[in-house]
Amino acid sequence: MRTVLVPFDLDERHCFPIWHASCLMPCSLTGGFKMRVSLPALVLALGAASGAQAAPIAWGAAQDTTSSAANDIVDGGAVVLAINGHNFADDANGPADATLDGVLFSGESFLGQNFNAAGLLDGNTTGDVDYDALLDNASIVNGGVPANNDSVYTVTGLTNGTDYYVQLWFADERTASAGRVMTYGDNEATESNVDVAGEGANGFGRFAVGTFTAAGSSQDLTLVAKDGAFGRSHITAILVREVPEPGSLALLGLGGLLLARRRRG
């Protein structure tokens, strides 16, 4: 049985399919985690609160995280959620909050517990203190006995019909944890998911980007330890931002062209 979690509280680099074009509007968004619930009486209520408003996510292939946050972070419109699994403000792993490519990732225990003591980069460094702080830590679901490796994180406060990017990072470069893979999905009846390995070719883990059109005010993200290989669901960071309208992209391109001409003049 899947763990149910109840909420509490284009550049060419990243081109992904969008389910349909829509008018994008600014919105606010918060997130929450859900705790294990096994009572059958809650199934219908939980389905109405989360899964019923989940939308299919079109995932791009997982990519190796690089040493450049500006290269990795998907470009897009207004940022509506940016969180990382590091809520310890003063420790050897750097600051809790991390500002990367102009995006502030707030350090939070958004799955219930943070893990940062061991250093998930295993001593590797990107050369960027903030990026290291984000990648060296993870948020994990509380409780490992029994295993809690099949979980759901619900993003709330979405605008129905609006297109969004969702970007998820997972890093675990420790030798003792070799081979760990997280499967992230959309909690649909026919689930669309992507495997993200904790080890990347550059020594900083991997990330994946998907797109979805909000089918209500919330969106589920499933977090599953692939093949039940380890005891608790992990995720390093989450970014959700609006997909810009085609007209906005054209204006940005025109603005860049005019600036270049002005500089040449």
C-alpha atoms as a PDB file:
ATOM      1  CA  MET A   1       0.000   0.000   0.000  1.00  0.00           C
ATOM      2  CA  ARG A   2       1.343   3.424  -0.952  1.00  0.00           C
ATOM      3  CA  THR A   3       2.229   5.755   1.891  1.00  0.00           C
ATOM      4  CA  VAL A   4      -0.241   8.628   1.954  1.00  0.00           C
ATOM      5  CA  LEU A   5       1.156  12.019   2.961  1.00  0.00           C
ATOM      6  CA  VAL A   6      -1.524  14.689   4.425  1.00  0.00           C
ATOM      7  CA  PRO A   7      -0.505  18.380   3.797  1.00  0.00           C
ATOM      8  CA  PHE A   8       0.343  20.510   6.787  1.00  0.00           C
ATOM      9  CA  ASP A   9       0.949  23.711   6.800  1.00  0.00           C
ATOM     10  CA  LEU A  10      12.318  28.437 -23.527  1.00  0.00           C
ATOM     11  CA  ASP A  11      15.702  28.092 -23.461  1.00  0.00           C
ATOM     12  CA  GLU A  12      16.983  25.284 -25.674  1.00  0.00           C
ATOM     13  CA  ARG A  13      18.681  23.732 -22.661  1.00  0.00           C
ATOM     14  CA  HIS A  14      15.420  22.444 -21.239  1.00  0.00           C
ATOM     15  CA  CYS A  15      12.666  21.912 -23.818  1.00  0.00           C
ATOM     16  CA  PHE A  16       9.811  19.666 -22.694  1.00  0.00           C
ATOM     17  CA  PRO A  17       6.330  18.954 -24.109  1.00  0.00           C
ATOM     18  CA  ILE A  18       3.389  20.901 -22.686  1.00  0.00           C
ATOM     19  CA  TRP A  19      -0.026  19.305 -22.520  1.00  0.00           C
ATOM     20  CA  HIS A  20      -1.821  22.371 -23.844  1.00  0.00           C
ATOM     21  CA  ALA A  21      -1.302  26.094 -24.147  1.00  0.00           C
ATOM     22  CA  SER A  22      -3.075  28.259 -21.596  1.00  0.00           C
ATOM     23  CA  CYS A  23      -3.109  31.783 -20.276  1.00  0.00           C
ATOM     24  CA  LEU A  24      -0.584  31.970 -17.458  1.00  0.00           C
ATOM     25  CA  MET A  25      -1.379  34.008 -14.369  1.00  0.00           C
ATOM     26  CA  PRO A  26       0.695  34.759 -11.278  1.00  0.00           C
ATOM     27  CA  CYS A  27      -0.156  32.511  -8.371  1.00  0.00           C
ATOM     28  CA  SER A  28       1.054  31.574  -4.926  1.00  0.00           C
ATOM     29  CA  LEU A  29       1.974  28.042  -3.977  1.00  0.00           C
ATOM     30  CA  THR A  30       2.805  26.165  -0.828  1.00  0.00           C
ATOM     31  CA  GLY A  31       3.715  22.578  -0.177  1.00  0.00           C
ATOM     32  CA  GLY A  32       3.153  19.951   2.436  1.00  0.00           C
ATOM     33  CA  PHE A  33       4.006  16.430   3.365  1.00  0.00           C
ATOM     34  CA  LYS A  34       1.725  13.551   4.212  1.00  0.00           C
ATOM     35  CA  MET A  35       2.057  11.002   6.953  1.00  0.00           C
ATOM     36  CA  ARG A  36       1.247   7.297   6.650  1.00  0.00           C
ATOM     37  CA  VAL A  37      -2.495   6.619   6.891  1.00  0.00           C
ATOM     38  CA  SER A  38      -3.843   3.095   6.547  1.00  0.00           C
ATOM     39  CA  LEU A  39      -7.495   3.511   7.525  1.00  0.00           C
ATOM     40  CA  PRO A  40      -9.755   2.465   4.610  1.00  0.00           C
ATOM     41  CA  ALA A  41     -12.347   5.027   5.688  1.00  0.00           C
ATOM     42  CA  LEU A  42      -9.979   7.820   4.641  1.00  0.00           C
ATOM     43  CA  VAL A  43      -9.402   6.600   1.103  1.00  0.00           C
ATOM     44  CA  LEU A  44     -12.257   8.504  -0.576  1.00  0.00           C
ATOM     45  CA  ALA A  45     -11.546  11.745   1.265  1.00  0.00           C
ATOM     46  CA  LEU A  46      -7.847  11.590   0.437  1.00  0.00           C
ATOM     47  CA  GLY A  47      -8.600  10.818  -3.185  1.00  0.00           C
ATOM     48  CA  ALA A  48     -10.796  13.907  -3.431  1.00  0.00           C
ATOM     49  CA  ALA A  49      -8.186  16.067  -1.692  1.00  0.00           C
ATOM     50  CA  SER A  50      -5.123  15.055  -3.694  1.00  0.00           C
ATOM     51  CA  GLY A  51      -5.243  12.417  -6.427  1.00  0.00           C
ATOM     52  CA  ALA A  52      -8.494  13.760  -7.905  1.00  0.00           C
ATOM     53  CA  GLN A  53      -6.730  17.031  -8.724  1.00  0.00           C
ATOM     54  CA  ALA A  54      -3.416  15.546  -9.791  1.00  0.00           C
ATOM     55  CA  ALA A  55      -2.458  15.981 -13.448  1.00  0.00           C
ATOM     56  CA  PRO A  56      -0.234  13.868 -15.695  1.00  0.00           C
ATOM     57  CA  ILE A  57       3.382  15.042 -15.804  1.00  0.00           C
ATOM     58  CA  ALA A  58       5.396  14.784 -19.024  1.00  0.00           C
ATOM     59  CA  TRP A  59       8.945  14.033 -17.860  1.00  0.00           C
ATOM     60  CA  GLY A  60      12.140  14.705 -19.723  1.00  0.00           C
ATOM     61  CA  ALA A  61      14.999  12.247 -19.295  1.00  0.00           C
ATOM     62  CA  ALA A  62      17.037  12.530 -16.087  1.00  0.00           C
ATOM     63  CA  GLN A  63      20.244  14.518 -16.491  1.00  0.00           C
ATOM     64  CA  ASP A  64      23.568  14.634 -14.665  1.00  0.00           C
ATOM     65  CA  THR A  65      23.806  17.603 -12.328  1.00  0.00           C
ATOM     66  CA  THR A  66      26.724  19.861 -13.274  1.00  0.00           C
ATOM     67  CA  SER A  67      28.822  22.285 -11.257  1.00  0.00           C
ATOM     68  CA  SER A  68      26.773  25.203 -12.654  1.00  0.00           C
ATOM     69  CA  ALA A  69      23.358  25.927 -11.156  1.00  0.00           C
ATOM     70  CA  ALA A  70      22.747  28.446 -13.947  1.00  0.00           C
ATOM     71  CA  ASN A  71      23.212  25.630 -16.451  1.00  0.00           C
ATOM     72  CA  ASP A  72      21.012  23.161 -14.558  1.00  0.00           C
ATOM     73  CA  ILE A  73      18.027  25.196 -13.380  1.00  0.00           C
ATOM     74  CA  VAL A  74      15.188  25.225 -15.881  1.00  0.00           C
ATOM     75  CA  ASP A  75      14.455  28.681 -17.276  1.00  0.00           C
ATOM     76  CA  GLY A  76      10.851  29.819 -17.107  1.00  0.00           C
ATOM     77  CA  GLY A  77       8.355  32.238 -15.677  1.00  0.00           C
ATOM     78  CA  ALA A  78       7.499  33.175 -12.111  1.00  0.00           C
ATOM     79  CA  VAL A  79       8.872  30.840  -9.442  1.00  0.00           C
ATOM     80  CA  VAL A  80       6.068  29.531  -7.270  1.00  0.00           C
ATOM     81  CA  LEU A  81       7.935  26.948  -5.177  1.00  0.00           C
ATOM     82  CA  ALA A  82      11.640  26.454  -4.491  1.00  0.00           C
ATOM     83  CA  ILE A  83      12.670  24.321  -1.506  1.00  0.00           C
ATOM     84  CA  ASN A  84      15.696  22.271  -0.540  1.00  0.00           C
ATOM     85  CA  GLY A  85      16.148  19.634   2.133  1.00  0.00           C
ATOM     86  CA  HIS A  86      18.485  21.625   4.364  1.00  0.00           C
ATOM     87  CA  ASN A  87      17.065  23.511   7.329  1.00  0.00           C
ATOM     88  CA  PHE A  88      20.201  23.832   9.465  1.00  0.00           C
ATOM     89  CA  ALA A  89      21.319  27.445   9.297  1.00  0.00           C
ATOM     90  CA  ASP A  90      24.740  26.987  10.888  1.00  0.00           C
ATOM     91  CA  ASP A  91      26.734  23.874  10.142  1.00  0.00           C
ATOM     92  CA  ALA A  92      29.704  22.688   8.125  1.00  0.00           C
ATOM     93  CA  ASN A  93      27.531  22.179   5.046  1.00  0.00           C
ATOM     94  CA  GLY A  94      26.799  25.856   4.529  1.00  0.00           C
ATOM     95  CA  PRO A  95      23.630  27.969   4.747  1.00  0.00           C
ATOM     96  CA  ALA A  96      20.149  26.510   4.916  1.00  0.00           C
ATOM     97  CA  ASP A  97      18.720  28.756   2.195  1.00  0.00           C
ATOM     98  CA  ALA A  98      20.456  28.718  -1.177  1.00  0.00           C
ATOM     99  CA  THR A  99      20.167  31.355  -3.905  1.00  0.00           C
ATOM    100  CA  LEU A 100      20.959  29.849  -7.292  1.00  0.00           C
ATOM    101  CA  ASP A 101      20.549  31.488 -10.706  1.00  0.00           C
ATOM    102  CA  GLY A 102      18.424  34.159  -9.019  1.00  0.00           C
ATOM    103  CA  VAL A 103      16.114  31.610  -7.376  1.00  0.00           C
ATOM    104  CA  LEU A 104      15.893  31.406  -3.558  1.00  0.00           C
ATOM    105  CA  PHE A 105      15.554  27.784  -2.415  1.00  0.00           C
ATOM    106  CA  SER A 106      14.293  27.785   1.168  1.00  0.00           C
ATOM    107  CA  GLY A 107      15.794  25.177   3.475  1.00  0.00           C
ATOM    108  CA  GLU A 108      12.934  23.155   4.938  1.00  0.00           C
ATOM    109  CA  SER A 109      12.120  19.770   6.477  1.00  0.00           C
ATOM    110  CA  PHE A 110       9.374  19.360   3.909  1.00  0.00           C
ATOM    111  CA  LEU A 111       9.167  15.566   4.167  1.00  0.00           C
ATOM    112  CA  GLY A 112       9.367  15.579   7.939  1.00  0.00           C
ATOM    113  CA  GLN A 113      13.093  15.093   8.499  1.00  0.00           C
ATOM    114  CA  ASN A 114      16.342  16.385   7.037  1.00  0.00           C
ATOM    115  CA  PHE A 115      19.520  14.439   6.495  1.00  0.00           C
ATOM    116  CA  ASN A 116      22.749  16.351   6.208  1.00  0.00           C
ATOM    117  CA  ALA A 117      25.222  15.039   8.747  1.00  0.00           C
ATOM    118  CA  ALA A 118      26.992  12.584   6.434  1.00  0.00           C
ATOM    119  CA  GLY A 119      27.344  14.859   3.420  1.00  0.00           C
ATOM    120  CA  LEU A 120      25.556  13.345   0.465  1.00  0.00           C
ATOM    121  CA  LEU A 121      28.115  14.710  -2.009  1.00  0.00           C
ATOM    122  CA  ASP A 122      30.741  12.593  -0.225  1.00  0.00           C
ATOM    123  CA  GLY A 123      33.247  15.448  -0.298  1.00  0.00           C
ATOM    124  CA  ASN A 124      32.649  16.484  -3.919  1.00  0.00           C
ATOM    125  CA  THR A 125      32.232  20.212  -4.536  1.00  0.00           C
ATOM    126  CA  THR A 126      30.733  22.262  -7.338  1.00  0.00           C
ATOM    127  CA  GLY A 127      32.797  25.284  -6.308  1.00  0.00           C
ATOM    128  CA  ASP A 128      29.564  27.105  -5.417  1.00  0.00           C
ATOM    129  CA  VAL A 129      28.840  27.219  -1.665  1.00  0.00           C
ATOM    130  CA  ASP A 130      25.104  27.554  -2.173  1.00  0.00           C
ATOM    131  CA  TYR A 131      24.875  24.758  -4.739  1.00  0.00           C
ATOM    132  CA  ASP A 132      26.931  22.499  -2.472  1.00  0.00           C
ATOM    133  CA  ALA A 133      24.577  23.313   0.425  1.00  0.00           C
ATOM    134  CA  LEU A 134      21.568  22.335  -1.672  1.00  0.00           C
ATOM    135  CA  LEU A 135      23.067  19.138  -3.122  1.00  0.00           C
ATOM    136  CA  ASP A 136      24.804  17.923   0.046  1.00  0.00           C
ATOM    137  CA  ASN A 137      21.492  17.505   1.900  1.00  0.00           C
ATOM    138  CA  ALA A 138      18.147  15.796   1.423  1.00  0.00           C
ATOM    139  CA  SER A 139      14.708  15.783   2.944  1.00  0.00           C
ATOM    140  CA  ILE A 140      13.525  12.303   3.926  1.00  0.00           C
ATOM    141  CA  VAL A 141      10.283  10.829   5.227  1.00  0.00           C
ATOM    142  CA  ASN A 142      10.245  10.189   8.965  1.00  0.00           C
ATOM    143  CA  GLY A 143      10.495   6.610  10.126  1.00  0.00           C
ATOM    144  CA  GLY A 144      12.382   3.697   8.634  1.00  0.00           C
ATOM    145  CA  VAL A 145      10.749   0.788  10.520  1.00  0.00           C
ATOM    146  CA  PRO A 146       8.581  -0.288   8.864  1.00  0.00           C
ATOM    147  CA  ALA A 147      10.043   0.971   5.599  1.00  0.00           C
ATOM    148  CA  ASN A 148       8.560   4.298   4.472  1.00  0.00           C
ATOM    149  CA  ASN A 149       9.859   4.256   0.927  1.00  0.00           C
ATOM    150  CA  ASP A 150       6.685   4.949  -1.081  1.00  0.00           C
ATOM    151  CA  SER A 151       5.429   8.458  -0.358  1.00  0.00           C
ATOM    152  CA  VAL A 152       3.538  11.418  -1.813  1.00  0.00           C
ATOM    153  CA  TYR A 153       4.337  15.110  -1.561  1.00  0.00           C
ATOM    154  CA  THR A 154       1.459  17.446  -2.432  1.00  0.00           C
ATOM    155  CA  VAL A 155       2.007  20.860  -3.974  1.00  0.00           C
ATOM    156  CA  THR A 156      -0.968  23.149  -3.282  1.00  0.00           C
ATOM    157  CA  GLY A 157      -2.127  26.628  -4.278  1.00  0.00           C
ATOM    158  CA  LEU A 158      -1.940  26.032  -8.026  1.00  0.00           C
ATOM    159  CA  THR A 159      -4.085  27.818 -10.609  1.00  0.00           C
ATOM    160  CA  ASN A 160      -6.307  25.497 -12.606  1.00  0.00           C
ATOM    161  CA  GLY A 161      -5.327  25.364 -16.285  1.00  0.00           C
ATOM    162  CA  THR A 162      -1.903  26.946 -15.781  1.00  0.00           C
ATOM    163  CA  ASP A 163       1.183  25.235 -17.222  1.00  0.00           C
ATOM    164  CA  TYR A 164       4.113  24.569 -14.895  1.00  0.00           C
ATOM    165  CA  TYR A 165       7.621  23.166 -14.925  1.00  0.00           C
ATOM    166  CA  VAL A 166       8.568  20.865 -12.059  1.00  0.00           C
ATOM    167  CA  GLN A 167      12.248  20.111 -11.441  1.00  0.00           C
ATOM    168  CA  LEU A 168      13.445  17.527  -8.909  1.00  0.00           C
ATOM    169  CA  TRP A 169      17.001  16.839  -7.740  1.00  0.00           C
ATOM    170  CA  PHE A 170      18.386  13.731  -6.016  1.00  0.00           C
ATOM    171  CA  ALA A 171      22.005  13.385  -4.914  1.00  0.00           C
ATOM    172  CA  ASP A 172      23.600  10.595  -2.884  1.00  0.00           C
ATOM    173  CA  GLU A 173      27.216  10.088  -3.896  1.00  0.00           C
ATOM    174  CA  ARG A 174      28.241   8.170  -0.754  1.00  0.00           C
ATOM    175  CA  THR A 175      30.084   4.933  -1.443  1.00  0.00           C
ATOM    176  CA  ALA A 176      27.988   3.118   1.155  1.00  0.00           C
ATOM    177  CA  SER A 177      24.809   4.140  -0.719  1.00  0.00           C
ATOM    178  CA  ALA A 178      25.945   3.201  -4.222  1.00  0.00           C
ATOM    179  CA  GLY A 179      23.172   2.396  -6.667  1.00  0.00           C
ATOM    180  CA  ARG A 180      20.336   4.272  -4.986  1.00  0.00           C
ATOM    181  CA  VAL A 181      17.614   5.441  -7.370  1.00  0.00           C
ATOM    182  CA  MET A 182      14.450   7.408  -6.622  1.00  0.00           C
ATOM    183  CA  THR A 183      11.405   7.090  -8.878  1.00  0.00           C
ATOM    184  CA  TYR A 184       9.363  10.301  -9.037  1.00  0.00           C
ATOM    185  CA  GLY A 185       5.862  10.385 -10.519  1.00  0.00           C
ATOM    186  CA  ASP A 186       2.481  12.117 -10.686  1.00  0.00           C
ATOM    187  CA  ASN A 187       0.204   9.758  -8.690  1.00  0.00           C
ATOM    188  CA  GLU A 188      -2.133   9.274 -11.656  1.00  0.00           C
ATOM    189  CA  ALA A 189      -3.982   5.964 -12.157  1.00  0.00           C
ATOM    190  CA  THR A 190      -1.669   5.367 -15.115  1.00  0.00           C
ATOM    191  CA  GLU A 191       1.394   6.908 -13.580  1.00  0.00           C
ATOM    192  CA  SER A 192       4.030   8.788 -15.532  1.00  0.00           C
ATOM    193  CA  ASN A 193       7.349   8.632 -13.729  1.00  0.00           C
ATOM    194  CA  VAL A 194      11.081   9.135 -14.086  1.00  0.00           C
ATOM    195  CA  ASP A 195      14.032   7.390 -12.426  1.00  0.00           C
ATOM    196  CA  VAL A 196      16.629   9.708 -10.894  1.00  0.00           C
ATOM    197  CA  ALA A 197      19.848   8.105  -9.684  1.00  0.00           C
ATOM    198  CA  GLY A 198      21.654   9.525  -6.675  1.00  0.00           C
ATOM    199  CA  GLU A 199      24.976   9.168  -8.476  1.00  0.00           C
ATOM    200  CA  GLY A 200      25.814  11.280 -11.514  1.00  0.00           C
ATOM    201  CA  ALA A 201      28.684  11.341 -13.971  1.00  0.00           C
ATOM    202  CA  ASN A 202      29.963  14.591 -12.446  1.00  0.00           C
ATOM    203  CA  GLY A 203      29.726  13.494  -8.815  1.00  0.00           C
ATOM    204  CA  PHE A 204      26.723  15.699  -7.948  1.00  0.00           C
ATOM    205  CA  GLY A 205      23.732  13.403  -8.461  1.00  0.00           C
ATOM    206  CA  ARG A 206      21.051  13.900 -11.104  1.00  0.00           C
ATOM    207  CA  PHE A 207      17.849  15.868 -11.759  1.00  0.00           C
ATOM    208  CA  ALA A 208      14.743  15.654 -13.935  1.00  0.00           C
ATOM    209  CA  VAL A 209      12.340  18.255 -15.334  1.00  0.00           C
ATOM    210  CA  GLY A 210       8.712  17.710 -16.271  1.00  0.00           C
ATOM    211  CA  THR A 211       5.748  19.809 -17.377  1.00  0.00           C
ATOM    212  CA  PHE A 212       2.102  19.633 -16.381  1.00  0.00           C
ATOM    213  CA  THR A 213      -1.094  21.612 -16.690  1.00  0.00           C
ATOM    214  CA  ALA A 214      -2.732  22.059 -13.302  1.00  0.00           C
ATOM    215  CA  ALA A 215      -6.023  20.152 -13.103  1.00  0.00           C
ATOM    216  CA  GLY A 216      -7.110  21.925  -9.947  1.00  0.00           C
ATOM    217  CA  SER A 217      -5.448  23.612  -7.011  1.00  0.00           C
ATOM    218  CA  SER A 218      -2.968  20.840  -6.147  1.00  0.00           C
ATOM    219  CA  GLN A 219      -0.520  18.400  -7.691  1.00  0.00           C
ATOM    220  CA  ASP A 220       0.806  15.177  -6.223  1.00  0.00           C
ATOM    221  CA  LEU A 221       4.414  14.098  -6.608  1.00  0.00           C
ATOM    222  CA  THR A 222       5.170  10.477  -5.780  1.00  0.00           C
ATOM    223  CA  LEU A 223       8.540   9.590  -4.260  1.00  0.00           C
ATOM    224  CA  VAL A 224       9.456   5.905  -4.357  1.00  0.00           C
ATOM    225  CA  ALA A 225      12.750   4.230  -3.490  1.00  0.00           C
ATOM    226  CA  LYS A 226      13.192   2.127  -6.629  1.00  0.00           C
ATOM    227  CA  ASP A 227      12.672  -1.583  -6.001  1.00  0.00           C
ATOM    228  CA  GLY A 228      12.367  -0.828  -2.269  1.00  0.00           C
ATOM    229  CA  ALA A 229      16.158  -0.761  -2.161  1.00  0.00           C
ATOM    230  CA  PHE A 230      16.334   1.612   0.819  1.00  0.00           C
ATOM    231  CA  GLY A 231      14.086   2.422   3.727  1.00  0.00           C
ATOM    232  CA  ARG A 232      12.863   5.988   3.262  1.00  0.00           C
ATOM    233  CA  SER A 233      11.887   8.298   0.423  1.00  0.00           C
ATOM    234  CA  HIS A 234      14.526  10.949  -0.346  1.00  0.00           C
ATOM    235  CA  ILE A 235      14.552  14.147  -2.382  1.00  0.00           C
ATOM    236  CA  THR A 236      17.174  16.875  -2.532  1.00  0.00           C
ATOM    237  CA  ALA A 237      15.227  19.859  -3.882  1.00  0.00           C
ATOM    238  CA  ILE A 238      12.034  20.852  -5.702  1.00  0.00           C
ATOM    239  CA  LEU A 239      11.448  23.757  -8.078  1.00  0.00           C
ATOM    240  CA  VAL A 240       8.036  24.627  -9.556  1.00  0.00           C
ATOM    241  CA  ARG A 241       7.702  27.593 -11.880  1.00  0.00           C
ATOM    242  CA  GLU A 242       5.300  28.779 -14.549  1.00  0.00           C
ATOM    243  CA  VAL A 243       5.873  27.976 -18.183  1.00  0.00           C
ATOM    244  CA  PRO A 244       6.061  31.370 -19.913  1.00  0.00           C
ATOM    245  CA  GLU A 245       3.623  32.255 -22.653  1.00  0.00           C
ATOM    246  CA  PRO A 246       5.066  32.125 -26.184  1.00  0.00           C
ATOM    247  CA  GLY A 247       4.532  35.885 -26.447  1.00  0.00           C
ATOM    248  CA  SER A 248       6.652  36.442 -23.350  1.00  0.00           C
ATOM    249  CA  LEU A 249       9.497  34.397 -24.839  1.00  0.00           C
ATOM    250  CA  ALA A 250       9.329  36.425 -28.052  1.00  0.00           C
ATOM    251  CA  LEU A 251       9.509  39.677 -26.104  1.00  0.00           C
ATOM    252  CA  LEU A 252      12.488  38.422 -24.125  1.00  0.00           C
ATOM    253  CA  GLY A 253      14.257  37.486 -27.350  1.00  0.00           C
ATOM    254  CA  LEU A 254      13.492  40.881 -28.892  1.00  0.00           C
ATOM    255  CA  GLY A 255      14.717  42.641 -25.771  1.00  0.00           C
ATOM    256  CA  GLY A 256      18.016  40.774 -25.941  1.00  0.00           C
ATOM    257  CA  LEU A 257      18.407  41.618 -29.628  1.00  0.00           C
ATOM    258  CA  LEU A 258      17.763  45.336 -29.031  1.00  0.00           C
ATOM    259  CA  LEU A 259      20.235  45.370 -26.148  1.00  0.00           C
ATOM    260  CA  ALA A 260      22.905  43.736 -28.313  1.00  0.00           C
ATOM    261  CA  ARG A 261      22.342  46.301 -31.086  1.00  0.00           C
ATOM    262  CA  ARG A 262      22.498  49.153 -28.569  1.00  0.00           C
ATOM    263  CA  ARG A 263      25.816  47.869 -27.261  1.00  0.00           C
ATOM    264  CA  ARG A 264      27.231  47.600 -30.777  1.00  0.00           C
ATOM    265  CA  GLY A 265      26.019  51.134 -31.512  1.00  0.00           C
END
